[in-house]
Amino acid sequence: GPERIDLVTVVAPNNMHYPVTMAAFDAGFP
């Protein structure tokens, strides 16, 4: 419903950009 997040922002050291992005994709988030 309306409480579901619409997107994820990844703001972290470089080594975390990829794993967080892929985990977000797995959860269904842009």
Full PDB file with SEQRES, HELIX, SHEET, SSBOND, CRYST1, ORIGX, SCALE, CONECT and MASTER records, all heavy atoms in Angstrom:
SEQRES   1 A   30  GLY PRO GLU ARG ILE ASP LEU VAL THR VAL VAL ALA PRO          
SEQRES   2 A   30  ASN ASN MET HIS TYR PRO VAL THR MET ALA ALA PHE ASP          
SEQRES   3 A   30  ALA GLY PHE PRO                                              
HELIX    1 AA1 ASN A   14  ALA A   27  1                                  14    
CRYST1    1.000    1.000    1.000  90.00  90.00  90.00 P 1           1          
ORIGX1      1.000000  0.000000  0.000000        0.00000                         
ORIGX2      0.000000  1.000000  0.000000        0.00000                         
ORIGX3      0.000000  0.000000  1.000000        0.00000                         
SCALE1      1.000000  0.000000  0.000000        0.00000                         
SCALE2      0.000000  1.000000  0.000000        0.00000                         
SCALE3      0.000000  0.000000  1.000000        0.00000                         
ATOM      1  N   GLY A   1       0.801  -1.217   0.000  1.00  0.00           N  
ATOM      2  CA  GLY A   1       0.000   0.000   0.000  1.00  0.00           C  
ATOM      3  C   GLY A   1       0.828   1.258   0.000  1.00  0.00           C  
ATOM      4  O   GLY A   1       2.007   1.265  -0.378  1.00  0.00           O  
ATOM      5  N   PRO A   2       0.238   2.366   0.427  1.00  0.00           N  
ATOM      6  CA  PRO A   2       0.908   3.679   0.349  1.00  0.00           C  
ATOM      7  C   PRO A   2       2.136   3.807   1.244  1.00  0.00           C  
ATOM      8  O   PRO A   2       2.944   4.715   1.040  1.00  0.00           O  
ATOM      9  CB  PRO A   2      -0.189   4.660   0.779  1.00  0.00           C  
ATOM     10  CG  PRO A   2      -1.158   3.838   1.576  1.00  0.00           C  
ATOM     11  CD  PRO A   2      -1.137   2.486   0.957  1.00  0.00           C  
ATOM     12  N   GLU A   3       2.290   2.916   2.225  1.00  0.00           N  
ATOM     13  CA  GLU A   3       3.447   2.985   3.117  1.00  0.00           C  
ATOM     14  C   GLU A   3       4.695   2.350   2.513  1.00  0.00           C  
ATOM     15  O   GLU A   3       5.794   2.511   3.036  1.00  0.00           O  
ATOM     16  CB  GLU A   3       3.122   2.297   4.453  1.00  0.00           C  
ATOM     17  CG  GLU A   3       2.030   2.982   5.269  1.00  0.00           C  
ATOM     18  CD  GLU A   3       2.410   4.416   5.600  1.00  0.00           C  
ATOM     19  OE1 GLU A   3       3.544   4.645   6.068  1.00  0.00           O  
ATOM     20  OE2 GLU A   3       1.577   5.309   5.387  1.00  0.00           O  
ATOM     21  N   ARG A   4       4.537   1.633   1.416  1.00  0.00           N  
ATOM     22  CA  ARG A   4       5.681   0.962   0.790  1.00  0.00           C  
ATOM     23  C   ARG A   4       6.614   2.004   0.171  1.00  0.00           C  
ATOM     24  O   ARG A   4       6.162   2.957  -0.476  1.00  0.00           O  
ATOM     25  CB  ARG A   4       5.205  -0.011  -0.288  1.00  0.00           C  
ATOM     26  CG  ARG A   4       6.335  -0.797  -0.960  1.00  0.00           C  
ATOM     27  CD  ARG A   4       5.762  -1.771  -1.985  1.00  0.00           C  
ATOM     28  NE  ARG A   4       6.803  -2.412  -2.768  1.00  0.00           N  
ATOM     29  CZ  ARG A   4       7.463  -3.495  -2.387  1.00  0.00           C  
ATOM     30  NH1 ARG A   4       7.188  -4.056  -1.215  1.00  0.00           N  
ATOM     31  NH2 ARG A   4       8.389  -4.041  -3.158  1.00  0.00           N  
ATOM     32  N   ILE A   5       7.922   1.816   0.365  1.00  0.00           N  
ATOM     33  CA  ILE A   5       8.875   2.772  -0.194  1.00  0.00           C  
ATOM     34  C   ILE A   5       8.892   2.660  -1.718  1.00  0.00           C  
ATOM     35  O   ILE A   5       8.662   1.594  -2.281  1.00  0.00           O  
ATOM     36  CB  ILE A   5      10.291   2.584   0.397  1.00  0.00           C  
ATOM     37  CG1 ILE A   5      10.843   1.200   0.085  1.00  0.00           C  
ATOM     38  CG2 ILE A   5      10.298   2.847   1.878  1.00  0.00           C  
ATOM     39  CD1 ILE A   5      12.269   1.004   0.575  1.00  0.00           C  
ATOM     40  N   ASP A   6       9.162   3.795  -2.364  1.00  0.00           N  
ATOM     41  CA  ASP A   6       9.141   3.852  -3.823  1.00  0.00           C  
ATOM     42  C   ASP A   6      10.513   3.678  -4.454  1.00  0.00           C  
ATOM     43  O   ASP A   6      10.613   3.248  -5.600  1.00  0.00           O  
ATOM     44  CB  ASP A   6       8.549   5.185  -4.274  1.00  0.00           C  
ATOM     45  CG  ASP A   6       7.082   5.308  -3.896  1.00  0.00           C  
ATOM     46  OD1 ASP A   6       6.288   4.527  -4.431  1.00  0.00           O  
ATOM     47  OD2 ASP A   6       6.747   6.171  -3.071  1.00  0.00           O  
ATOM     48  N   LEU A   7      11.548   4.039  -3.729  1.00  0.00           N  
ATOM     49  CA  LEU A   7      12.900   3.891  -4.267  1.00  0.00           C  
ATOM     50  C   LEU A   7      13.904   3.877  -3.137  1.00  0.00           C  
ATOM     51  O   LEU A   7      13.613   4.292  -2.010  1.00  0.00           O  
ATOM     52  CB  LEU A   7      13.229   5.007  -5.263  1.00  0.00           C  
ATOM     53  CG  LEU A   7      13.298   6.436  -4.725  1.00  0.00           C  
ATOM     54  CD1 LEU A   7      14.727   6.848  -4.419  1.00  0.00           C  
ATOM     55  CD2 LEU A   7      12.683   7.411  -5.723  1.00  0.00           C  
ATOM     56  N   VAL A   8      15.095   3.401  -3.452  1.00  0.00           N  
ATOM     57  CA  VAL A   8      16.190   3.325  -2.484  1.00  0.00           C  
ATOM     58  C   VAL A   8      17.338   4.202  -2.970  1.00  0.00           C  
ATOM     59  O   VAL A   8      17.702   4.157  -4.157  1.00  0.00           O  
ATOM     60  CB  VAL A   8      16.689   1.874  -2.323  1.00  0.00           C  
ATOM     61  CG1 VAL A   8      17.958   1.822  -1.481  1.00  0.00           C  
ATOM     62  CG2 VAL A   8      15.595   1.016  -1.695  1.00  0.00           C  
ATOM     63  N   THR A   9      17.889   4.986  -2.080  1.00  0.00           N  
ATOM     64  CA  THR A   9      19.096   5.753  -2.381  1.00  0.00           C  
ATOM     65  C   THR A   9      20.284   5.088  -1.705  1.00  0.00           C  
ATOM     66  O   THR A   9      20.229   4.797  -0.508  1.00  0.00           O  
ATOM     67  CB  THR A   9      18.967   7.207  -1.875  1.00  0.00           C  
ATOM     68  OG1 THR A   9      17.932   7.865  -2.594  1.00  0.00           O  
ATOM     69  CG2 THR A   9      20.263   7.965  -2.079  1.00  0.00           C  
ATOM     70  N   VAL A  10      21.343   4.854  -2.469  1.00  0.00           N  
ATOM     71  CA  VAL A  10      22.553   4.230  -1.928  1.00  0.00           C  
ATOM     72  C   VAL A  10      23.616   5.309  -1.774  1.00  0.00           C  
ATOM     73  O   VAL A  10      24.138   5.836  -2.756  1.00  0.00           O  
ATOM     74  CB  VAL A  10      23.067   3.106  -2.847  1.00  0.00           C  
ATOM     75  CG1 VAL A  10      24.301   2.447  -2.232  1.00  0.00           C  
ATOM     76  CG2 VAL A  10      21.974   2.081  -3.104  1.00  0.00           C  
ATOM     77  N   VAL A  11      23.907   5.643  -0.539  1.00  0.00           N  
ATOM     78  CA  VAL A  11      24.926   6.646  -0.215  1.00  0.00           C  
ATOM     79  C   VAL A  11      25.860   6.003   0.800  1.00  0.00           C  
ATOM     80  O   VAL A  11      25.581   5.976   1.988  1.00  0.00           O  
ATOM     81  CB  VAL A  11      24.300   7.935   0.358  1.00  0.00           C  
ATOM     82  CG1 VAL A  11      25.365   9.003   0.546  1.00  0.00           C  
ATOM     83  CG2 VAL A  11      23.203   8.450  -0.548  1.00  0.00           C  
ATOM     84  N   ALA A  12      26.961   5.454   0.314  1.00  0.00           N  
ATOM     85  CA  ALA A  12      27.861   4.667   1.147  1.00  0.00           C  
ATOM     86  C   ALA A  12      29.225   4.633   0.489  1.00  0.00           C  
ATOM     87  O   ALA A  12      29.386   5.076  -0.647  1.00  0.00           O  
ATOM     88  CB  ALA A  12      27.307   3.238   1.304  1.00  0.00           C  
ATOM     89  N   PRO A  13      30.250   4.110   1.182  1.00  0.00           N  
ATOM     90  CA  PRO A  13      31.545   3.907   0.519  1.00  0.00           C  
ATOM     91  C   PRO A  13      31.390   3.061  -0.743  1.00  0.00           C  
ATOM     92  O   PRO A  13      30.445   2.271  -0.882  1.00  0.00           O  
ATOM     93  CB  PRO A  13      32.372   3.184   1.593  1.00  0.00           C  
ATOM     94  CG  PRO A  13      31.808   3.690   2.880  1.00  0.00           C  
ATOM     95  CD  PRO A  13      30.330   3.817   2.623  1.00  0.00           C  
ATOM     96  N   ASN A  14      32.323   3.208  -1.670  1.00  0.00           N  
ATOM     97  CA  ASN A  14      32.215   2.595  -2.992  1.00  0.00           C  
ATOM     98  C   ASN A  14      31.922   1.099  -2.958  1.00  0.00           C  
ATOM     99  O   ASN A  14      31.160   0.589  -3.783  1.00  0.00           O  
ATOM    100  CB  ASN A  14      33.505   2.828  -3.785  1.00  0.00           C  
ATOM    101  CG  ASN A  14      33.718   4.285  -4.143  1.00  0.00           C  
ATOM    102  OD1 ASN A  14      32.836   5.118  -3.969  1.00  0.00           O  
ATOM    103  ND2 ASN A  14      34.907   4.599  -4.642  1.00  0.00           N  
ATOM    104  N   ASN A  15      32.541   0.386  -2.024  1.00  0.00           N  
ATOM    105  CA  ASN A  15      32.404  -1.067  -2.011  1.00  0.00           C  
ATOM    106  C   ASN A  15      30.994  -1.528  -1.668  1.00  0.00           C  
ATOM    107  O   ASN A  15      30.651  -2.692  -1.891  1.00  0.00           O  
ATOM    108  CB  ASN A  15      33.399  -1.695  -1.029  1.00  0.00           C  
ATOM    109  CG  ASN A  15      33.071  -1.374   0.419  1.00  0.00           C  
ATOM    110  OD1 ASN A  15      32.874  -0.212   0.766  1.00  0.00           O  
ATOM    111  ND2 ASN A  15      33.030  -2.374   1.271  1.00  0.00           N  
ATOM    112  N   MET A  16      30.154  -0.624  -1.143  1.00  0.00           N  
ATOM    113  CA  MET A  16      28.793  -0.994  -0.779  1.00  0.00           C  
ATOM    114  C   MET A  16      27.773  -0.681  -1.869  1.00  0.00           C  
ATOM    115  O   MET A  16      26.623  -1.122  -1.786  1.00  0.00           O  
ATOM    116  CB  MET A  16      28.391  -0.275   0.516  1.00  0.00           C  
ATOM    117  CG  MET A  16      29.223  -0.661   1.724  1.00  0.00           C  
ATOM    118  SD  MET A  16      29.220  -2.447   2.020  1.00  0.00           S  
ATOM    119  CE  MET A  16      27.482  -2.749   2.346  1.00  0.00           C  
ATOM    120  N   HIS A  17      28.154   0.054  -2.898  1.00  0.00           N  
ATOM    121  CA  HIS A  17      27.182   0.437  -3.921  1.00  0.00           C  
ATOM    122  C   HIS A  17      26.577  -0.779  -4.611  1.00  0.00           C  
ATOM    123  O   HIS A  17      25.361  -0.861  -4.779  1.00  0.00           O  
ATOM    124  CB  HIS A  17      27.834   1.353  -4.962  1.00  0.00           C  
ATOM    125  CG  HIS A  17      28.268   2.667  -4.408  1.00  0.00           C  
ATOM    126  ND1 HIS A  17      28.961   3.609  -5.159  1.00  0.00           N  
ATOM    127  CD2 HIS A  17      28.116   3.218  -3.179  1.00  0.00           C  
ATOM    128  CE1 HIS A  17      29.214   4.660  -4.415  1.00  0.00           C  
ATOM    129  NE2 HIS A  17      28.713   4.442  -3.204  1.00  0.00           N  
ATOM    130  N   TYR A  18      27.420  -1.715  -5.002  1.00  0.00           N  
ATOM    131  CA  TYR A  18      26.937  -2.890  -5.721  1.00  0.00           C  
ATOM    132  C   TYR A  18      26.091  -3.822  -4.848  1.00  0.00           C  
ATOM    133  O   TYR A  18      24.962  -4.163  -5.234  1.00  0.00           O  
ATOM    134  CB  TYR A  18      28.108  -3.643  -6.335  1.00  0.00           C  
ATOM    135  CG  TYR A  18      27.760  -4.983  -6.928  1.00  0.00           C  
ATOM    136  CD1 TYR A  18      27.171  -5.078  -8.182  1.00  0.00           C  
ATOM    137  CD2 TYR A  18      28.022  -6.168  -6.225  1.00  0.00           C  
ATOM    138  CE1 TYR A  18      26.850  -6.313  -8.728  1.00  0.00           C  
ATOM    139  CE2 TYR A  18      27.707  -7.394  -6.760  1.00  0.00           C  
ATOM    140  CZ  TYR A  18      27.117  -7.471  -8.007  1.00  0.00           C  
ATOM    141  OH  TYR A  18      26.795  -8.689  -8.540  1.00  0.00           O  
ATOM    142  N   PRO A  19      26.578  -4.275  -3.684  1.00  0.00           N  
ATOM    143  CA  PRO A  19      25.753  -5.217  -2.909  1.00  0.00           C  
ATOM    144  C   PRO A  19      24.424  -4.624  -2.453  1.00  0.00           C  
ATOM    145  O   PRO A  19      23.406  -5.326  -2.451  1.00  0.00           O  
ATOM    146  CB  PRO A  19      26.647  -5.589  -1.721  1.00  0.00           C  
ATOM    147  CG  PRO A  19      27.665  -4.520  -1.641  1.00  0.00           C  
ATOM    148  CD  PRO A  19      27.883  -4.053  -3.035  1.00  0.00           C  
ATOM    149  N   VAL A  20      24.407  -3.336  -2.088  1.00  0.00           N  
ATOM    150  CA  VAL A  20      23.145  -2.732  -1.658  1.00  0.00           C  
ATOM    151  C   VAL A  20      22.187  -2.611  -2.845  1.00  0.00           C  
ATOM    152  O   VAL A  20      20.986  -2.869  -2.729  1.00  0.00           O  
ATOM    153  CB  VAL A  20      23.385  -1.362  -1.006  1.00  0.00           C  
ATOM    154  CG1 VAL A  20      22.062  -0.704  -0.633  1.00  0.00           C  
ATOM    155  CG2 VAL A  20      24.250  -1.508   0.246  1.00  0.00           C  
ATOM    156  N   THR A  21      22.717  -2.237  -4.001  1.00  0.00           N  
ATOM    157  CA  THR A  21      21.880  -2.135  -5.201  1.00  0.00           C  
ATOM    158  C   THR A  21      21.256  -3.483  -5.543  1.00  0.00           C  
ATOM    159  O   THR A  21      20.041  -3.574  -5.810  1.00  0.00           O  
ATOM    160  CB  THR A  21      22.711  -1.629  -6.392  1.00  0.00           C  
ATOM    161  OG1 THR A  21      23.135  -0.279  -6.139  1.00  0.00           O  
ATOM    162  CG2 THR A  21      21.905  -1.667  -7.678  1.00  0.00           C  
ATOM    163  N   MET A  22      22.056  -4.534  -5.540  1.00  0.00           N  
ATOM    164  CA  MET A  22      21.534  -5.850  -5.905  1.00  0.00           C  
ATOM    165  C   MET A  22      20.513  -6.342  -4.878  1.00  0.00           C  
ATOM    166  O   MET A  22      19.501  -6.965  -5.233  1.00  0.00           O  
ATOM    167  CB  MET A  22      22.682  -6.845  -6.040  1.00  0.00           C  
ATOM    168  CG  MET A  22      23.647  -6.515  -7.174  1.00  0.00           C  
ATOM    169  SD  MET A  22      22.878  -6.545  -8.811  1.00  0.00           S  
ATOM    170  CE  MET A  22      23.051  -8.285  -9.218  1.00  0.00           C  
ATOM    171  N   ALA A  23      20.759  -6.054  -3.591  1.00  0.00           N  
ATOM    172  CA  ALA A  23      19.799  -6.439  -2.558  1.00  0.00           C  
ATOM    173  C   ALA A  23      18.495  -5.672  -2.728  1.00  0.00           C  
ATOM    174  O   ALA A  23      17.403  -6.226  -2.517  1.00  0.00           O  
ATOM    175  CB  ALA A  23      20.395  -6.194  -1.172  1.00  0.00           C  
ATOM    176  N   ALA A  24      18.581  -4.398  -3.113  1.00  0.00           N  
ATOM    177  CA  ALA A  24      17.379  -3.599  -3.354  1.00  0.00           C  
ATOM    178  C   ALA A  24      16.597  -4.155  -4.537  1.00  0.00           C  
ATOM    179  O   ALA A  24      15.366  -4.250  -4.509  1.00  0.00           O  
ATOM    180  CB  ALA A  24      17.754  -2.143  -3.593  1.00  0.00           C  
ATOM    181  N   PHE A  25      17.305  -4.537  -5.597  1.00  0.00           N  
ATOM    182  CA  PHE A  25      16.636  -5.147  -6.747  1.00  0.00           C  
ATOM    183  C   PHE A  25      15.917  -6.430  -6.338  1.00  0.00           C  
ATOM    184  O   PHE A  25      14.782  -6.688  -6.753  1.00  0.00           O  
ATOM    185  CB  PHE A  25      17.657  -5.462  -7.845  1.00  0.00           C  
ATOM    186  CG  PHE A  25      18.131  -4.267  -8.618  1.00  0.00           C  
ATOM    187  CD1 PHE A  25      19.251  -4.358  -9.436  1.00  0.00           C  
ATOM    188  CD2 PHE A  25      17.467  -3.050  -8.552  1.00  0.00           C  
ATOM    189  CE1 PHE A  25      19.686  -3.274 -10.182  1.00  0.00           C  
ATOM    190  CE2 PHE A  25      17.898  -1.952  -9.287  1.00  0.00           C  
ATOM    191  CZ  PHE A  25      19.012  -2.070 -10.107  1.00  0.00           C  
ATOM    192  N   ASP A  26      16.587  -7.253  -5.519  1.00  0.00           N  
ATOM    193  CA  ASP A  26      15.972  -8.500  -5.060  1.00  0.00           C  
ATOM    194  C   ASP A  26      14.683  -8.240  -4.278  1.00  0.00           C  
ATOM    195  O   ASP A  26      13.755  -9.052  -4.313  1.00  0.00           O  
ATOM    196  CB  ASP A  26      16.945  -9.288  -4.189  1.00  0.00           C  
ATOM    197  CG  ASP A  26      18.104  -9.884  -4.976  1.00  0.00           C  
ATOM    198  OD1 ASP A  26      17.972 -10.008  -6.207  1.00  0.00           O  
ATOM    199  OD2 ASP A  26      19.141 -10.204  -4.363  1.00  0.00           O  
ATOM    200  N   ALA A  27      14.658  -7.105  -3.560  1.00  0.00           N  
ATOM    201  CA  ALA A  27      13.478  -6.744  -2.767  1.00  0.00           C  
ATOM    202  C   ALA A  27      12.421  -6.031  -3.605  1.00  0.00           C  
ATOM    203  O   ALA A  27      11.330  -5.744  -3.108  1.00  0.00           O  
ATOM    204  CB  ALA A  27      13.892  -5.868  -1.590  1.00  0.00           C  
ATOM    205  N   GLY A  28      12.749  -5.723  -4.867  1.00  0.00           N  
ATOM    206  CA  GLY A  28      11.775  -5.109  -5.756  1.00  0.00           C  
ATOM    207  C   GLY A  28      11.748  -3.593  -5.750  1.00  0.00           C  
ATOM    208  O   GLY A  28      10.727  -2.996  -6.108  1.00  0.00           O  
ATOM    209  N   PHE A  29      12.883  -2.957  -5.382  1.00  0.00           N  
ATOM    210  CA  PHE A  29      12.910  -1.509  -5.306  1.00  0.00           C  
ATOM    211  C   PHE A  29      13.825  -0.897  -6.373  1.00  0.00           C  
ATOM    212  O   PHE A  29      14.936  -1.395  -6.598  1.00  0.00           O  
ATOM    213  CB  PHE A  29      13.408  -1.056  -3.934  1.00  0.00           C  
ATOM    214  CG  PHE A  29      12.557  -1.518  -2.789  1.00  0.00           C  
ATOM    215  CD1 PHE A  29      13.111  -2.270  -1.762  1.00  0.00           C  
ATOM    216  CD2 PHE A  29      11.208  -1.206  -2.733  1.00  0.00           C  
ATOM    217  CE1 PHE A  29      12.337  -2.703  -0.699  1.00  0.00           C  
ATOM    218  CE2 PHE A  29      10.419  -1.643  -1.676  1.00  0.00           C  
ATOM    219  CZ  PHE A  29      10.975  -2.383  -0.661  1.00  0.00           C  
ATOM    220  N   PRO A  30      13.391   0.193  -7.024  1.00  0.00           N  
ATOM    221  CA  PRO A  30      14.297   0.947  -7.897  1.00  0.00           C  
ATOM    222  C   PRO A  30      15.435   1.548  -7.082  1.00  0.00           C  
ATOM    223  O   PRO A  30      15.292   1.794  -5.867  1.00  0.00           O  
ATOM    224  CB  PRO A  30      13.399   2.043  -8.478  1.00  0.00           C  
ATOM    225  CG  PRO A  30      12.002   1.541  -8.290  1.00  0.00           C  
ATOM    226  CD  PRO A  30      12.037   0.726  -7.034  1.00  0.00           C  
TER     227      PRO A  30                                                      
MASTER        0    0    0    1    0    0    0    6  226    1    0    3          
END                                                                             
